[in-house]
Amino acid sequence: MTEGFGFPFGCVAAVAAVSVANLAGAAAHPWYALVTLGAVVTTTAFRGPPPAAAGVTAIAWALHTGFVLGRFGELTFTRPSALAALVLTATLVTGTLTRTVSTLQSRVSTLQSRVSPLQTREPTLQAREPTLRVREFAGRVLRLP
């Protein structure tokens, strides 16, 4: 995902996630929408820039509060909406930390790949000549008629 399109892609994915969750019965089970929105927020935080991920988190909370907990697009500030905000914020932090760790690991592996050619050595194991028994056995087995 390119840096400039993290927010638009995340918003479209959040709307699609809420739509699918509502079709699956999120009105009776709000966790359906919260899980799908959490996946969208985590993916956006991992693949996109942090400001875009924070914006997608706010949009995801508004979609969950307005269209899953409240059915007519009205934001509700209740205990379930506070829990949704907490869960979505936790997924934002998880995605951001995962991105940071992944970036650090790739930098370390790149550094190791740059250093390892400098430290190459000659192999210490050398092939041995076959013994007389091996030659005799090979001569008997590979004898052509």
Protein backbone atom coordinates (compact mmCIF):
# COMPACT_ATOMS: atom_id res chain seq x y z
CA MET A 1 0.00 0.00 0.00
CA THR A 2 1.47 3.32 -0.95
CA GLU A 3 1.83 5.98 1.71
CA GLY A 4 -0.80 8.34 0.24
CA PHE A 5 -3.60 5.79 -0.03
CA GLY A 6 -3.58 4.24 3.46
CA PHE A 7 -6.49 6.30 4.76
CA PRO A 8 -8.82 5.93 1.74
CA PHE A 9 -8.18 2.19 1.45
CA GLY A 10 -8.69 1.77 5.19
CA CYS A 11 -11.98 3.68 5.12
CA VAL A 12 -13.33 1.64 2.21
CA ALA A 13 -12.23 -1.58 3.95
CA ALA A 14 -13.92 -0.46 7.19
CA VAL A 15 -17.21 0.26 5.41
CA ALA A 16 -17.01 -3.12 3.69
CA ALA A 17 -16.23 -4.84 7.01
CA VAL A 18 -19.23 -3.26 8.74
CA SER A 19 -21.48 -4.15 5.80
CA VAL A 20 -20.39 -7.78 5.83
CA ALA A 21 -20.68 -7.96 9.62
CA ASN A 22 -24.20 -6.52 9.49
CA LEU A 23 -25.17 -9.12 6.92
CA ALA A 24 -23.73 -11.80 9.23
CA GLY A 25 -25.85 -10.60 12.15
CA ALA A 26 -23.82 -7.93 13.91
CA ALA A 27 -27.00 -6.27 15.18
CA ALA A 28 -27.48 -9.20 17.55
CA HIS A 29 -23.76 -9.87 18.03
CA PRO A 30 -21.77 -6.59 17.89
CA TRP A 31 -18.50 -8.49 18.28
CA TYR A 32 -18.80 -9.60 14.64
CA ALA A 33 -18.29 -6.04 13.49
CA LEU A 34 -15.69 -5.30 16.14
CA VAL A 35 -13.54 -8.24 15.07
CA THR A 36 -13.70 -7.36 11.37
CA LEU A 37 -13.02 -3.69 12.09
CA GLY A 38 -10.12 -4.68 14.33
CA ALA A 39 -8.61 -6.63 11.44
CA VAL A 40 -8.97 -3.59 9.17
CA VAL A 41 -7.36 -1.28 11.74
CA THR A 42 -4.49 -3.70 12.41
CA THR A 43 -3.81 -4.14 8.69
CA THR A 44 -3.90 -0.40 8.08
CA ALA A 45 -1.57 0.23 11.00
CA PHE A 46 0.83 -2.43 9.72
CA ARG A 47 0.79 -1.39 6.07
CA GLY A 48 0.06 2.35 6.14
CA PRO A 49 1.44 5.43 7.83
CA PRO A 50 0.53 6.03 11.50
CA PRO A 51 -1.66 9.13 10.89
CA ALA A 52 -3.74 7.22 8.34
CA ALA A 53 -4.11 4.30 10.75
CA ALA A 54 -5.27 6.64 13.51
CA GLY A 55 -7.84 8.16 11.14
CA VAL A 56 -9.08 4.72 10.09
CA THR A 57 -9.41 3.82 13.79
CA ALA A 58 -11.65 6.84 14.37
CA ILE A 59 -13.75 6.03 11.30
CA ALA A 60 -14.02 2.38 12.37
CA TRP A 61 -15.22 3.41 15.82
CA ALA A 62 -17.79 5.78 14.30
CA LEU A 63 -19.05 3.05 11.95
CA HIS A 64 -19.30 0.55 14.79
CA THR A 65 -21.02 2.98 17.12
CA GLY A 66 -23.31 4.48 14.49
CA PHE A 67 -24.33 1.46 12.44
CA VAL A 68 -23.88 -1.56 14.70
CA LEU A 69 -24.64 -0.31 18.20
CA GLY A 70 -26.94 2.45 16.96
CA ARG A 71 -28.88 1.54 13.84
CA PHE A 72 -29.42 4.93 12.18
CA GLY A 73 -25.91 6.35 11.94
CA GLU A 74 -26.17 8.26 15.19
CA LEU A 75 -23.13 8.10 17.42
CA THR A 76 -23.87 6.71 20.84
CA PHE A 77 -21.59 7.30 23.81
CA THR A 78 -22.31 4.31 25.99
CA ARG A 79 -20.33 1.62 27.76
CA PRO A 80 -20.28 -0.66 24.66
CA SER A 81 -19.02 2.21 22.49
CA ALA A 82 -16.27 2.93 25.03
CA LEU A 83 -15.30 -0.74 24.94
CA ALA A 84 -15.23 -0.58 21.13
CA ALA A 85 -12.95 2.47 21.30
CA LEU A 86 -10.64 0.61 23.68
CA VAL A 87 -10.52 -2.51 21.48
CA LEU A 88 -9.88 -0.54 18.29
CA THR A 89 -7.17 1.53 19.98
CA ALA A 90 -5.52 -1.67 21.17
CA THR A 91 -5.56 -3.05 17.62
CA LEU A 92 -4.04 0.22 16.39
CA VAL A 93 -1.21 -0.08 18.91
CA THR A 94 -0.72 -3.76 18.05
CA GLY A 95 -0.47 -3.06 14.32
CA THR A 96 1.90 -0.15 14.84
CA LEU A 97 4.18 -2.15 17.14
CA THR A 98 4.16 -5.08 14.73
CA ARG A 99 5.19 -2.75 11.92
CA THR A 100 7.99 -1.31 14.06
CA VAL A 101 9.32 -4.74 15.02
CA SER A 102 9.09 -5.96 11.43
CA THR A 103 10.99 -2.91 10.19
CA LEU A 104 13.70 -3.39 12.82
CA GLN A 105 14.05 -7.08 11.95
CA SER A 106 14.40 -6.34 8.26
CA ARG A 107 17.05 -3.70 8.99
CA VAL A 108 18.98 -6.15 11.17
CA SER A 109 18.80 -8.89 8.54
CA THR A 110 19.93 -6.42 5.86
CA LEU A 111 22.84 -5.39 8.05
CA GLN A 112 23.75 -9.02 8.67
CA SER A 113 23.64 -9.80 4.96
CA ARG A 114 26.01 -6.89 4.32
CA VAL A 115 28.42 -8.02 7.02
CA SER A 116 28.43 -11.77 6.29
CA PRO A 117 30.26 -11.62 2.91
CA LEU A 118 33.11 -9.85 4.68
CA GLN A 119 33.53 -12.69 7.13
CA THR A 120 33.65 -15.61 4.69
CA ARG A 121 36.24 -18.29 5.30
CA GLU A 122 37.59 -21.18 3.37
CA PRO A 123 35.80 -24.42 4.12
CA THR A 124 37.68 -26.60 6.57
CA LEU A 125 36.18 -29.87 5.39
CA GLN A 126 37.94 -31.45 2.44
CA ALA A 127 36.79 -34.40 0.39
CA ARG A 128 38.67 -37.64 1.03
CA GLU A 129 39.90 -39.95 -1.63
CA PRO A 130 37.89 -43.18 -1.87
CA THR A 131 39.49 -46.15 -0.19
CA LEU A 132 40.54 -49.34 -1.95
CA ARG A 133 37.45 -51.24 -0.72
CA VAL A 134 35.12 -48.59 -2.12
CA ARG A 135 36.88 -48.79 -5.48
CA GLU A 136 36.63 -52.58 -5.56
CA PHE A 137 32.93 -52.52 -4.61
CA ALA A 138 32.19 -49.88 -7.22
CA GLY A 139 34.07 -51.93 -9.82
CA ARG A 140 31.97 -55.03 -9.07
CA VAL A 141 28.62 -53.23 -8.94
CA LEU A 142 29.16 -51.06 -11.96
CA ARG A 143 30.57 -53.80 -14.17
CA LEU A 144 29.02 -53.64 -17.57
CA PRO A 145 28.10 -56.92 -19.39
